[in-house]
Structures are given as C-alpha cells and as structure tokens.
Protein backbone atom coordinates (compact mmCIF):
# COMPACT_ATOMS: atom_id res chain seq x y z
CA UNK A 1 -31.76 -34.13 54.13
CA UNK A 2 -30.63 -31.85 51.29
CA UNK A 3 -30.22 -33.40 47.88
CA UNK A 4 -27.63 -31.77 45.63
CA UNK A 5 -27.06 -32.29 41.96
CA UNK A 6 -23.72 -33.76 40.92
CA UNK A 7 -23.57 -31.61 37.75
CA UNK A 8 -23.37 -27.93 38.55
CA UNK A 9 -24.06 -25.38 35.84
CA UNK A 10 -21.39 -22.73 35.64
CA UNK A 11 -22.66 -19.27 34.74
CA UNK A 12 -19.34 -17.69 33.73
CA UNK A 13 -18.66 -16.77 30.11
CA UNK A 14 -15.30 -17.57 28.49
CA UNK A 15 -13.90 -14.68 26.44
CA UNK A 16 -10.96 -16.60 25.00
CA UNK A 17 -12.71 -17.52 21.75
CA UNK A 18 -14.00 -13.97 21.34
CA UNK A 19 -10.51 -12.49 21.68
CA UNK A 20 -9.19 -14.98 19.11
CA UNK A 21 -11.81 -13.81 16.63
CA UNK A 22 -11.02 -10.15 17.29
CA UNK A 23 -7.29 -10.71 16.76
CA UNK A 24 -7.95 -12.58 13.52
CA UNK A 25 -10.12 -9.72 12.27
CA UNK A 26 -7.47 -7.21 13.29
CA UNK A 27 -4.78 -9.10 11.35
CA UNK A 28 -7.07 -9.42 8.33
CA UNK A 29 -7.78 -5.68 8.17
CA UNK A 30 -4.14 -4.78 8.72
CA UNK A 31 -3.05 -6.98 5.82
CA UNK A 32 -5.76 -5.90 3.42
CA UNK A 33 -5.28 -2.20 4.15
CA UNK A 34 -1.75 -2.40 2.79
CA UNK A 35 -3.10 -3.46 -0.62
CA UNK A 36 -5.11 -0.25 -0.99
CA UNK A 37 -3.30 2.21 -3.22
CA UNK A 38 -2.79 5.50 -1.42
CA UNK A 39 -2.32 7.43 -4.63
CA UNK A 40 -2.75 11.10 -3.88
CA UNK A 41 -3.83 12.03 -7.41
CA UNK A 42 -6.42 10.37 -9.67
CA UNK A 43 -4.51 8.38 -12.30
CA UNK A 44 -5.80 6.32 -15.22
CA UNK A 45 -3.43 3.33 -15.03
CA UNK A 46 -2.36 1.38 -18.13
CA UNK A 47 -3.42 -2.25 -18.53
CA UNK A 48 -1.21 -5.33 -18.47
CA UNK A 49 -1.65 -9.10 -18.54
CA UNK A 50 -0.26 -9.63 -15.06
CA UNK A 51 -0.79 -7.21 -12.22
CA UNK A 52 1.23 -8.14 -9.15
CA UNK A 53 0.49 -6.75 -5.71
CA UNK A 54 3.49 -5.17 -4.03
CA UNK A 55 3.70 -3.90 -0.47
CA UNK A 56 3.84 -0.17 -1.01
CA UNK A 57 6.29 1.90 0.95
CA UNK A 58 6.54 4.94 -1.32
CA UNK A 59 4.14 5.88 -4.10
CA UNK A 60 4.89 8.38 -6.87
CA UNK A 61 1.90 9.56 -8.93
CA UNK A 62 1.94 11.52 -12.17
CA UNK A 63 -1.33 12.65 -13.76
CA UNK A 64 -1.89 13.33 -17.44
CA UNK A 65 -1.62 17.09 -16.79
CA UNK A 66 1.84 16.41 -15.25
CA UNK A 67 1.04 16.96 -11.57
CA UNK A 68 3.38 15.02 -9.28
CA UNK A 69 2.67 13.51 -5.85
CA UNK A 70 4.90 11.49 -3.53
CA UNK A 71 2.63 9.38 -1.30
CA UNK A 72 -0.21 11.84 -0.62
CA UNK A 73 1.92 14.99 -0.74
CA UNK A 74 1.64 16.99 -3.96
CA UNK A 75 5.05 18.27 -5.09
CA UNK A 76 6.53 19.79 -8.23
CA UNK A 77 8.90 17.95 -10.54
CA UNK A 78 12.06 19.35 -8.96
CA UNK A 79 11.06 18.26 -5.44
CA UNK A 80 10.50 14.56 -6.29
CA UNK A 81 14.14 13.57 -5.77
CA UNK A 82 14.34 15.32 -2.39
CA UNK A 83 11.11 13.69 -1.20
CA UNK A 84 12.21 10.22 -2.32
CA UNK A 85 15.60 10.71 -0.65
CA UNK A 86 14.00 11.67 2.66
CA UNK A 87 11.51 8.78 2.55
CA UNK A 88 13.99 6.10 1.53
CA UNK A 89 16.91 7.41 3.68
CA UNK A 90 19.39 4.53 3.47
CA UNK A 91 16.67 1.85 3.43
CA UNK A 92 16.24 -0.24 0.33
CA UNK A 93 12.51 -0.02 -0.24
CA UNK A 94 9.85 -0.27 -2.90
CA UNK A 95 8.75 2.66 -5.01
CA UNK A 96 5.48 2.10 -6.85
CA UNK A 97 4.89 4.37 -9.84
CA UNK A 98 1.26 5.33 -10.51
CA UNK A 99 1.65 7.00 -13.87
CA UNK A 100 -1.25 7.89 -16.13
CA UNK A 101 -1.18 6.05 -19.45
CA UNK A 102 -1.14 9.35 -21.37
CA UNK A 103 2.05 10.63 -19.69
CA UNK A 104 5.11 10.62 -21.98
CA UNK A 105 7.63 7.85 -21.27
CA UNK A 106 10.41 10.33 -20.47
CA UNK A 107 8.76 11.10 -17.11
CA UNK A 108 8.50 7.41 -16.27
CA UNK A 109 12.19 6.95 -17.05
CA UNK A 110 13.17 10.05 -15.08
CA UNK A 111 11.31 9.08 -11.88
CA UNK A 112 12.31 5.42 -12.23
CA UNK A 113 15.94 6.48 -12.62
CA UNK A 114 15.78 8.64 -9.50
CA UNK A 115 14.32 5.77 -7.46
CA UNK A 116 16.83 3.26 -8.87
CA UNK A 117 19.73 5.58 -8.00
CA UNK A 118 18.51 5.47 -4.39
CA UNK A 119 18.73 1.63 -4.45
CA UNK A 120 14.96 1.19 -4.42
CA UNK A 121 13.02 -1.52 -6.21
CA UNK A 122 10.84 0.19 -8.80
CA UNK A 123 7.42 -1.19 -9.76
CA UNK A 124 4.91 0.24 -12.20
CA UNK A 125 1.29 0.03 -11.08
CA UNK A 126 -1.09 -1.33 -13.71
CA UNK A 127 -4.61 -2.62 -13.86
CA UNK A 128 -5.44 -6.04 -15.32
CA UNK A 129 -7.14 -6.38 -18.73
CA UNK A 130 -10.90 -6.56 -18.45
C-alpha cells in the first residue's frame, strides 16, 4: 500500500517576474539615456535659475574658441545651416544650443535664427545655480 502526499512540490521556476524586471530596467535606461547631453565639444554652460530637461533631437555646440559641432560632428560655421537642414528635413524638432558662456551673443542669435527658420523649437542649454 503506497502512501502519497496530497501536496506535491513543483520544481519548475517561473521566469515571468524576471522578465518584468528586465523590461522595467530596459525602459529605465532608455529614458535616462535621452537626458544625457551628447555635446560633441566641451562647453562651459551659463547658469540660470530654472534648467528644464528637453528631449534632444539635434544639438549645436559652440566653444569659446568658436568651434562648431552639430550633434557629435564637428563642422565650420558655414556648414551649420546645411547640417541642420539635413537633420530636421521637414520635421518640426527641437534644437538644443550648447553655447559657451564666453561666446558673443551674435553667434547665439545666428544659430537660433537658422534653427527657427527651419521651424524648429530652439532651447538654450544651461546649468542650474549652485
């Protein structure tokens, strides 16, 4: 006469909770990676009281020695408009300006005007007061 237990222990492992955790981590890293500034050139940003985070599509950087970069590609001043035109091609996007605080305002106005003429929303990157 064989006696059997009514409660059997199942030895399988459920992966559903593990996949949920992996997808949550994947979403977290995808969202936080978009907040990292991909500025191709080192820029000393000016300070402001409020520093909003904007999803960056196109980044224009100008250093204090007047070197220009669109996203991570270093270009000269005359090529900025062509690069912005090819990157924004009929899409209304965001252009974030990473301009060193020692750069004359005329360059800020020039690049901002180019981006605005392409129907892009222009934002100036700043760092908060410390």
